[in-house]
Protein backbone atom coordinates (compact mmCIF):
# COMPACT_ATOMS: atom_id res chain seq x y z
CA MET A 1 81.15 -126.19 -235.54
CA LYS A 2 79.32 -129.39 -236.43
CA ILE A 3 80.08 -130.90 -233.02
CA LEU A 4 78.63 -127.81 -231.33
CA LEU A 5 75.46 -128.01 -233.42
CA CYS A 6 75.08 -131.73 -232.70
CA THR A 7 75.51 -131.14 -228.98
CA LEU A 8 72.99 -128.28 -228.95
CA GLY A 9 70.56 -130.37 -230.98
CA LEU A 10 70.78 -133.26 -228.56
CA ILE A 11 70.31 -130.93 -225.61
CA GLY A 12 67.23 -129.54 -227.30
CA LEU A 13 65.91 -133.02 -227.95
CA LEU A 14 66.45 -134.00 -224.33
CA ALA A 15 64.73 -130.81 -223.24
CA THR A 16 61.63 -131.93 -225.11
CA VAL A 17 61.52 -135.43 -223.62
CA LEU A 18 62.86 -135.16 -220.08
CA PRO A 19 60.40 -132.56 -218.69
CA SER A 20 57.45 -134.89 -219.28
CA VAL A 21 59.05 -137.51 -217.07
CA LEU A 22 59.83 -134.91 -214.42
CA VAL A 23 56.22 -133.66 -214.37
CA CYS A 24 54.90 -137.21 -213.99
CA SER A 25 57.23 -137.81 -211.07
CA GLY A 26 56.17 -134.51 -209.48
CA THR A 27 59.63 -132.95 -209.64
CA ILE A 28 58.67 -129.85 -211.66
CA GLU A 29 55.47 -127.86 -212.15
CA PRO A 30 53.50 -127.93 -215.43
CA GLY A 31 54.34 -124.27 -216.13
CA THR A 32 58.05 -125.00 -215.92
CA HIS A 33 57.46 -128.05 -218.10
CA LYS A 34 55.94 -125.92 -220.86
CA THR A 35 58.77 -123.40 -220.75
CA ILE A 36 61.53 -126.03 -220.90
CA MET A 37 59.78 -127.87 -223.74
CA LEU A 38 59.34 -124.65 -225.73
CA ILE A 39 63.03 -123.80 -225.39
CA GLY A 40 64.01 -127.37 -226.28
CA MET A 41 61.72 -127.41 -229.31
CA ILE A 42 63.15 -124.14 -230.64
CA LEU A 43 66.72 -125.32 -230.02
CA TRP A 44 66.06 -128.63 -231.78
CA PHE A 45 64.37 -127.12 -234.83
CA VAL A 46 67.06 -124.45 -235.22
CA THR A 47 70.04 -126.81 -234.98
CA ALA A 48 68.77 -130.08 -236.49
CA PRO A 49 68.76 -129.03 -240.16
CA PHE A 50 72.46 -128.15 -240.01
CA PHE A 51 73.67 -131.59 -238.97
CA MET A 52 70.97 -133.68 -240.66
CA LYS A 53 71.74 -132.48 -244.19
CA ARG A 54 72.04 -135.17 -246.80
CA LYS A 55 75.25 -135.36 -248.72
CA LYS A 56 74.77 -135.08 -252.44
CA SER A 57 75.95 -138.04 -254.41
CA VAL A 58 77.98 -137.35 -257.50
């Protein structure tokens, strides 16, 4: 389960960074850019807390 959450989190993180590069290169339109970044942001913020938890020291 943790591997799945890490993978989804990284996909979400990439979906927030990569579209900006693609818009600058003219590969995608700004509207598509906003949609991909919104989905990536939601995916990142939903999955990140599960695999970034601190372990409690005894």
